[in-house]
Amino acid sequence: MQLYALKSEQGYLKADKKDGYQLVNLNKASVFSSQHSKKLIELQEKAKHDKLANLRLVELEIREKEL
Protein backbone atom coordinates (compact mmCIF):
# COMPACT_ATOMS: atom_id res chain seq x y z
CA MET A 1 0.00 0.00 0.00
CA GLN A 2 1.31 3.43 -0.89
CA LEU A 3 0.43 6.62 0.95
CA TYR A 4 1.66 10.12 0.21
CA ALA A 5 2.88 12.93 2.48
CA LEU A 6 4.60 16.29 2.20
CA LYS A 7 8.03 16.73 3.73
CA SER A 8 10.30 19.75 4.20
CA GLU A 9 13.67 20.31 5.84
CA GLN A 10 11.85 21.06 9.11
CA GLY A 11 9.61 17.96 9.12
CA TYR A 12 6.44 16.48 7.70
CA LEU A 13 3.30 18.54 7.19
CA LYS A 14 0.14 17.97 9.20
CA ALA A 15 -3.02 19.72 8.03
CA ASP A 16 -4.30 22.24 10.56
CA LYS A 17 -7.62 24.09 10.30
CA LYS A 18 -6.29 27.21 12.03
CA ASP A 19 -2.86 27.79 10.46
CA GLY A 20 -3.01 25.61 7.36
CA TYR A 21 -0.38 23.15 8.58
CA GLN A 22 2.07 22.24 11.32
CA LEU A 23 5.51 20.68 10.98
CA VAL A 24 5.63 17.33 12.78
CA ASN A 25 7.38 13.94 12.92
CA LEU A 26 6.29 11.20 10.54
CA ASN A 27 3.96 9.54 13.06
CA LYS A 28 1.81 12.73 13.20
CA ALA A 29 1.94 13.68 9.50
CA SER A 30 -1.12 13.98 7.27
CA VAL A 31 -1.08 11.12 4.78
CA PHE A 32 -3.16 10.70 1.64
CA SER A 33 -4.14 7.68 -0.42
CA SER A 34 -3.65 9.55 -3.71
CA GLN A 35 -0.99 11.98 -4.80
CA HIS A 36 -3.78 13.82 -6.62
CA SER A 37 -5.88 14.34 -3.47
CA LYS A 38 -7.51 17.77 -3.35
CA LYS A 39 -6.48 18.27 0.30
CA LEU A 40 -2.88 17.26 -0.42
CA ILE A 41 -2.69 19.73 -3.31
CA GLU A 42 -4.17 22.52 -1.15
CA LEU A 43 -1.67 21.78 1.61
CA GLN A 44 1.19 21.79 -0.90
CA GLU A 45 0.08 25.15 -2.35
CA LYS A 46 -0.07 26.72 1.13
CA ALA A 47 3.42 25.45 1.96
CA LYS A 48 4.79 26.68 -1.40
CA HIS A 49 3.22 30.10 -0.75
CA ASP A 50 5.03 30.15 2.61
CA LYS A 51 8.28 29.26 0.79
CA LEU A 52 8.87 26.21 2.98
CA ALA A 53 12.45 24.98 2.42
CA ASN A 54 12.97 21.84 0.32
CA LEU A 55 9.28 20.93 0.11
CA ARG A 56 8.68 17.59 -1.58
CA LEU A 57 6.06 14.91 -2.04
CA VAL A 58 7.11 11.56 -0.58
CA GLU A 59 5.66 8.11 -1.10
CA LEU A 60 5.33 5.92 1.99
CA GLU A 61 5.04 2.18 1.57
CA ILE A 62 3.20 0.10 4.16
CA ARG A 63 3.71 -3.66 4.21
CA GLU A 64 2.03 -6.19 6.44
CA LYS A 65 4.29 -8.91 7.78
CA GLU A 66 3.40 -11.56 10.30
CA LEU A 67 5.90 -11.95 13.13
PDB file of N, CA and C in Angstrom:
ATOM      1  N   MET A   1       0.850  -1.170   0.000  1.00  0.00           N
ATOM      2  CA  MET A   1       0.000   0.000   0.000  1.00  0.00           C
ATOM      3  C   MET A   1       0.894   1.231   0.000  1.00  0.00           C
ATOM      4  N   GLN A   2       0.571   2.181  -0.850  1.00  0.00           N
ATOM      5  CA  GLN A   2       1.310   3.435  -0.890  1.00  0.00           C
ATOM      6  C   GLN A   2       0.434   4.568  -0.356  1.00  0.00           C
ATOM      7  N   LEU A   3       1.054   5.391   0.461  1.00  0.00           N
ATOM      8  CA  LEU A   3       0.434   6.617   0.952  1.00  0.00           C
ATOM      9  C   LEU A   3       1.389   7.757   0.623  1.00  0.00           C
ATOM     10  N   TYR A   4       0.866   8.965   0.617  1.00  0.00           N
ATOM     11  CA  TYR A   4       1.661  10.124   0.215  1.00  0.00           C
ATOM     12  C   TYR A   4       1.627  11.189   1.308  1.00  0.00           C
ATOM     13  N   ALA A   5       2.762  11.873   1.476  1.00  0.00           N
ATOM     14  CA  ALA A   5       2.879  12.929   2.478  1.00  0.00           C
ATOM     15  C   ALA A   5       3.771  14.032   1.917  1.00  0.00           C
ATOM     16  N   LEU A   6       3.726  15.176   2.563  1.00  0.00           N
ATOM     17  CA  LEU A   6       4.597  16.294   2.200  1.00  0.00           C
ATOM     18  C   LEU A   6       5.668  16.440   3.271  1.00  0.00           C
ATOM     19  N   LYS A   7       6.895  16.638   2.821  1.00  0.00           N
ATOM     20  CA  LYS A   7       8.033  16.730   3.731  1.00  0.00           C
ATOM     21  C   LYS A   7       8.867  17.953   3.376  1.00  0.00           C
ATOM     22  N   SER A   8       9.387  18.617   4.401  1.00  0.00           N
ATOM     23  CA  SER A   8      10.297  19.745   4.198  1.00  0.00           C
ATOM     24  C   SER A   8      11.537  19.505   5.050  1.00  0.00           C
ATOM     25  N   GLU A   9      12.466  20.437   5.013  1.00  0.00           N
ATOM     26  CA  GLU A   9      13.669  20.309   5.845  1.00  0.00           C
ATOM     27  C   GLU A   9      13.326  20.292   7.331  1.00  0.00           C
ATOM     28  N   GLN A  10      12.221  20.949   7.699  1.00  0.00           N
ATOM     29  CA  GLN A  10      11.854  21.058   9.110  1.00  0.00           C
ATOM     30  C   GLN A  10      10.961  19.920   9.593  1.00  0.00           C
ATOM     31  N   GLY A  11      10.470  19.075   8.714  1.00  0.00           N
ATOM     32  CA  GLY A  11       9.612  17.965   9.125  1.00  0.00           C
ATOM     33  C   GLY A  11       8.492  17.715   8.137  1.00  0.00           C
ATOM     34  N   TYR A  12       7.605  16.824   8.522  1.00  0.00           N
ATOM     35  CA  TYR A  12       6.439  16.481   7.700  1.00  0.00           C
ATOM     36  C   TYR A  12       5.309  17.459   7.980  1.00  0.00           C
ATOM     37  N   LEU A  13       4.414  17.619   7.027  1.00  0.00           N
ATOM     38  CA  LEU A  13       3.296  18.537   7.195  1.00  0.00           C
ATOM     39  C   LEU A  13       2.065  17.813   7.722  1.00  0.00           C
ATOM     40  N   LYS A  14       1.409  18.454   8.662  1.00  0.00           N
ATOM     41  CA  LYS A  14       0.140  17.973   9.198  1.00  0.00           C
ATOM     42  C   LYS A  14      -0.880  19.080   8.964  1.00  0.00           C
ATOM     43  N   ALA A  15      -1.969  18.730   8.299  1.00  0.00           N
ATOM     44  CA  ALA A  15      -3.016  19.723   8.025  1.00  0.00           C
ATOM     45  C   ALA A  15      -3.572  20.258   9.337  1.00  0.00           C
ATOM     46  N   ASP A  16      -3.806  21.561   9.366  1.00  0.00           N
ATOM     47  CA  ASP A  16      -4.296  22.242  10.561  1.00  0.00           C
ATOM     48  C   ASP A  16      -5.346  23.253  10.124  1.00  0.00           C
ATOM     49  N   LYS A  17      -6.523  23.193  10.700  1.00  0.00           N
ATOM     50  CA  LYS A  17      -7.616  24.094  10.301  1.00  0.00           C
ATOM     51  C   LYS A  17      -7.276  25.557  10.556  1.00  0.00           C
ATOM     52  N   LYS A  18      -6.574  25.829  11.644  1.00  0.00           N
ATOM     53  CA  LYS A  18      -6.291  27.209  12.034  1.00  0.00           C
ATOM     54  C   LYS A  18      -5.187  27.848  11.182  1.00  0.00           C
ATOM     55  N   ASP A  19      -4.031  27.199  11.106  1.00  0.00           N
ATOM     56  CA  ASP A  19      -2.861  27.795  10.456  1.00  0.00           C
ATOM     57  C   ASP A  19      -2.548  27.214   9.085  1.00  0.00           C
ATOM     58  N   GLY A  20      -3.296  26.241   8.641  1.00  0.00           N
ATOM     59  CA  GLY A  20      -3.012  25.613   7.357  1.00  0.00           C
ATOM     60  C   GLY A  20      -2.240  24.322   7.519  1.00  0.00           C
ATOM     61  N   TYR A  21      -1.153  24.363   8.319  1.00  0.00           N
ATOM     62  CA  TYR A  21      -0.375  23.154   8.583  1.00  0.00           C
ATOM     63  C   TYR A  21       0.553  23.371   9.768  1.00  0.00           C
ATOM     64  N   GLN A  22       1.031  22.256  10.295  1.00  0.00           N
ATOM     65  CA  GLN A  22       2.066  22.243  11.322  1.00  0.00           C
ATOM     66  C   GLN A  22       3.184  21.351  10.815  1.00  0.00           C
ATOM     67  N   LEU A  23       4.384  21.552  11.306  1.00  0.00           N
ATOM     68  CA  LEU A  23       5.515  20.683  10.980  1.00  0.00           C
ATOM     69  C   LEU A  23       5.682  19.685  12.118  1.00  0.00           C
ATOM     70  N   VAL A  24       5.653  18.393  11.769  1.00  0.00           N
ATOM     71  CA  VAL A  24       5.630  17.329  12.776  1.00  0.00           C
ATOM     72  C   VAL A  24       6.545  16.178  12.357  1.00  0.00           C
ATOM     73  N   ASN A  25       6.685  15.189  13.250  1.00  0.00           N
ATOM     74  CA  ASN A  25       7.380  13.944  12.920  1.00  0.00           C
ATOM     75  C   ASN A  25       6.470  13.076  12.059  1.00  0.00           C
ATOM     76  N   LEU A  26       7.032  12.066  11.447  1.00  0.00           N
ATOM     77  CA  LEU A  26       6.290  11.199  10.537  1.00  0.00           C
ATOM     78  C   LEU A  26       5.036  10.607  11.176  1.00  0.00           C
ATOM     79  N   ASN A  27       5.110  10.198  12.429  1.00  0.00           N
ATOM     80  CA  ASN A  27       3.956   9.541  13.064  1.00  0.00           C
ATOM     81  C   ASN A  27       2.760  10.467  13.258  1.00  0.00           C
ATOM     82  N   LYS A  28       2.916  11.763  13.066  1.00  0.00           N
ATOM     83  CA  LYS A  28       1.814  12.730  13.201  1.00  0.00           C
ATOM     84  C   LYS A  28       1.432  13.377  11.868  1.00  0.00           C
ATOM     85  N   ALA A  29       2.132  13.034  10.802  1.00  0.00           N
ATOM     86  CA  ALA A  29       1.935  13.681   9.500  1.00  0.00           C
ATOM     87  C   ALA A  29       0.583  13.345   8.887  1.00  0.00           C
ATOM     88  N   SER A  30       0.066  14.261   8.087  1.00  0.00           N
ATOM     89  CA  SER A  30      -1.118  13.976   7.269  1.00  0.00           C
ATOM     90  C   SER A  30      -0.666  13.105   6.112  1.00  0.00           C
ATOM     91  N   VAL A  31      -1.388  12.010   5.896  1.00  0.00           N
ATOM     92  CA  VAL A  31      -1.080  11.117   4.776  1.00  0.00           C
ATOM     93  C   VAL A  31      -2.320  10.982   3.903  1.00  0.00           C
ATOM     94  N   PHE A  32      -2.080  10.733   2.623  1.00  0.00           N
ATOM     95  CA  PHE A  32      -3.156  10.703   1.641  1.00  0.00           C
ATOM     96  C   PHE A  32      -3.026   9.457   0.780  1.00  0.00           C
ATOM     97  N   SER A  33      -4.155   8.909   0.375  1.00  0.00           N
ATOM     98  CA  SER A  33      -4.144   7.680  -0.424  1.00  0.00           C
ATOM     99  C   SER A  33      -3.843   7.944  -1.895  1.00  0.00           C
ATOM    100  N   SER A  34      -3.938   9.195  -2.316  1.00  0.00           N
ATOM    101  CA  SER A  34      -3.654   9.546  -3.708  1.00  0.00           C
ATOM    102  C   SER A  34      -2.776  10.792  -3.749  1.00  0.00           C
ATOM    103  N   GLN A  35      -1.822  10.785  -4.664  1.00  0.00           N
ATOM    104  CA  GLN A  35      -0.986  11.981  -4.803  1.00  0.00           C
ATOM    105  C   GLN A  35      -1.732  13.110  -5.498  1.00  0.00           C
ATOM    106  N   HIS A  36      -2.945  12.821  -5.960  1.00  0.00           N
ATOM    107  CA  HIS A  36      -3.783  13.822  -6.620  1.00  0.00           C
ATOM    108  C   HIS A  36      -4.929  14.277  -5.719  1.00  0.00           C
ATOM    109  N   SER A  37      -4.851  13.956  -4.435  1.00  0.00           N
ATOM    110  CA  SER A  37      -5.876  14.343  -3.468  1.00  0.00           C
ATOM    111  C   SER A  37      -6.010  15.867  -3.413  1.00  0.00           C
ATOM    112  N   LYS A  38      -7.253  16.328  -3.402  1.00  0.00           N
ATOM    113  CA  LYS A  38      -7.508  17.774  -3.349  1.00  0.00           C
ATOM    114  C   LYS A  38      -6.886  18.388  -2.096  1.00  0.00           C
ATOM    115  N   LYS A  39      -7.033  17.730  -0.950  1.00  0.00           N
ATOM    116  CA  LYS A  39      -6.485  18.271   0.300  1.00  0.00           C
ATOM    117  C   LYS A  39      -4.959  18.303   0.275  1.00  0.00           C
ATOM    118  N   LEU A  40      -4.339  17.283  -0.311  1.00  0.00           N
ATOM    119  CA  LEU A  40      -2.883  17.262  -0.416  1.00  0.00           C
ATOM    120  C   LEU A  40      -2.409  18.422  -1.286  1.00  0.00           C
ATOM    121  N   ILE A  41      -3.066  18.645  -2.398  1.00  0.00           N
ATOM    122  CA  ILE A  41      -2.687  19.735  -3.307  1.00  0.00           C
ATOM    123  C   ILE A  41      -2.864  21.089  -2.629  1.00  0.00           C
ATOM    124  N   GLU A  42      -3.955  21.267  -1.880  1.00  0.00           N
ATOM    125  CA  GLU A  42      -4.172  22.525  -1.154  1.00  0.00           C
ATOM    126  C   GLU A  42      -3.079  22.748  -0.112  1.00  0.00           C
ATOM    127  N   LEU A  43      -2.713  21.693   0.600  1.00  0.00           N
ATOM    128  CA  LEU A  43      -1.668  21.777   1.613  1.00  0.00           C
ATOM    129  C   LEU A  43      -0.325  22.132   0.964  1.00  0.00           C
ATOM    130  N   GLN A  44      -0.043  21.523  -0.172  1.00  0.00           N
ATOM    131  CA  GLN A  44       1.188  21.795  -0.902  1.00  0.00           C
ATOM    132  C   GLN A  44       1.235  23.246  -1.379  1.00  0.00           C
ATOM    133  N   GLU A  45       0.127  23.757  -1.887  1.00  0.00           N
ATOM    134  CA  GLU A  45       0.078  25.146  -2.354  1.00  0.00           C
ATOM    135  C   GLU A  45       0.315  26.122  -1.203  1.00  0.00           C
ATOM    136  N   LYS A  46      -0.273  25.855  -0.041  1.00  0.00           N
ATOM    137  CA  LYS A  46      -0.074  26.716   1.132  1.00  0.00           C
ATOM    138  C   LYS A  46       1.402  26.728   1.534  1.00  0.00           C
ATOM    139  N   ALA A  47       2.011  25.546   1.574  1.00  0.00           N
ATOM    140  CA  ALA A  47       3.422  25.455   1.960  1.00  0.00           C
ATOM    141  C   ALA A  47       4.323  26.139   0.930  1.00  0.00           C
ATOM    142  N   LYS A  48       4.007  25.999  -0.354  1.00  0.00           N
ATOM    143  CA  LYS A  48       4.785  26.682  -1.400  1.00  0.00           C
ATOM    144  C   LYS A  48       4.661  28.192  -1.246  1.00  0.00           C
ATOM    145  N   HIS A  49       3.452  28.665  -0.952  1.00  0.00           N
ATOM    146  CA  HIS A  49       3.220  30.099  -0.750  1.00  0.00           C
ATOM    147  C   HIS A  49       4.066  30.619   0.409  1.00  0.00           C
ATOM    148  N   ASP A  50       4.220  29.785   1.442  1.00  0.00           N
ATOM    149  CA  ASP A  50       5.029  30.155   2.605  1.00  0.00           C
ATOM    150  C   ASP A  50       6.526  29.965   2.363  1.00  0.00           C
ATOM    151  N   LYS A  51       6.883  29.482   1.169  1.00  0.00           N
ATOM    152  CA  LYS A  51       8.284  29.256   0.790  1.00  0.00           C
ATOM    153  C   LYS A  51       8.990  28.300   1.761  1.00  0.00           C
ATOM    154  N   LEU A  52       8.305  27.220   2.098  1.00  0.00           N
ATOM    155  CA  LEU A  52       8.874  26.205   2.977  1.00  0.00           C
ATOM    156  C   LEU A  52      10.082  25.559   2.293  1.00  0.00           C
ATOM    157  N   ALA A  53      11.195  25.466   3.001  1.00  0.00           N
ATOM    158  CA  ALA A  53      12.449  24.980   2.422  1.00  0.00           C
ATOM    159  C   ALA A  53      12.387  23.503   2.042  1.00  0.00           C
ATOM    160  N   ASN A  54      12.824  23.210   0.822  1.00  0.00           N
ATOM    161  CA  ASN A  54      12.973  21.844   0.319  1.00  0.00           C
ATOM    162  C   ASN A  54      11.679  21.024   0.438  1.00  0.00           C
ATOM    163  N   LEU A  55      10.573  21.610   0.067  1.00  0.00           N
ATOM    164  CA  LEU A  55       9.278  20.927   0.111  1.00  0.00           C
ATOM    165  C   LEU A  55       9.220  19.871  -0.981  1.00  0.00           C
ATOM    166  N   ARG A  56       8.787  18.663  -0.593  1.00  0.00           N
ATOM    167  CA  ARG A  56       8.678  17.592  -1.583  1.00  0.00           C
ATOM    168  C   ARG A  56       7.584  16.608  -1.200  1.00  0.00           C
ATOM    169  N   LEU A  57       7.055  15.961  -2.211  1.00  0.00           N
ATOM    170  CA  LEU A  57       6.062  14.912  -2.035  1.00  0.00           C
ATOM    171  C   LEU A  57       6.815  13.606  -1.851  1.00  0.00           C
ATOM    172  N   VAL A  58       6.454  12.846  -0.817  1.00  0.00           N
ATOM    173  CA  VAL A  58       7.112  11.560  -0.575  1.00  0.00           C
ATOM    174  C   VAL A  58       6.073  10.445  -0.599  1.00  0.00           C
ATOM    175  N   GLU A  59       6.519   9.290  -1.070  1.00  0.00           N
ATOM    176  CA  GLU A  59       5.661   8.107  -1.096  1.00  0.00           C
ATOM    177  C   GLU A  59       6.070   7.213   0.066  1.00  0.00           C
ATOM    178  N   LEU A  60       5.092   6.810   0.853  1.00  0.00           N
ATOM    179  CA  LEU A  60       5.328   5.924   1.986  1.00  0.00           C
ATOM    180  C   LEU A  60       4.756   4.559   1.633  1.00  0.00           C
ATOM    181  N   GLU A  61       5.507   3.525   1.893  1.00  0.00           N
ATOM    182  CA  GLU A  61       5.037   2.177   1.575  1.00  0.00           C
ATOM    183  C   GLU A  61       4.775   1.421   2.872  1.00  0.00           C
ATOM    184  N   ILE A  62       3.579   0.877   2.978  1.00  0.00           N
ATOM    185  CA  ILE A  62       3.205   0.098   4.158  1.00  0.00           C
ATOM    186  C   ILE A  62       3.096  -1.360   3.742  1.00  0.00           C
ATOM    187  N   ARG A  63       3.773  -2.219   4.478  1.00  0.00           N
ATOM    188  CA  ARG A  63       3.705  -3.656   4.212  1.00  0.00           C
ATOM    189  C   ARG A  63       3.264  -4.364   5.481  1.00  0.00           C
ATOM    190  N   GLU A  64       2.445  -5.364   5.314  1.00  0.00           N
ATOM    191  CA  GLU A  64       2.028  -6.186   6.443  1.00  0.00           C
ATOM    192  C   GLU A  64       2.889  -7.434   6.466  1.00  0.00           C
ATOM    193  N   LYS A  65       3.425  -7.749   7.643  1.00  0.00           N
ATOM    194  CA  LYS A  65       4.287  -8.914   7.783  1.00  0.00           C
ATOM    195  C   LYS A  65       3.987  -9.583   9.117  1.00  0.00           C
ATOM    196  N   GLU A  66       3.647 -10.834   9.059  1.00  0.00           N
ATOM    197  CA  GLU A  66       3.398 -11.560  10.303  1.00  0.00           C
ATOM    198  C   GLU A  66       4.714 -11.826  11.007  1.00  0.00           C
ATOM    199  N   LEU A  67       4.692 -11.716  12.321  1.00  0.00           N
ATOM    200  CA  LEU A  67       5.901 -11.953  13.126  1.00  0.00           C
ATOM    201  C   LEU A  67       5.712 -13.154  14.017  1.00  0.00           C
TER     202      LEU A  67
END
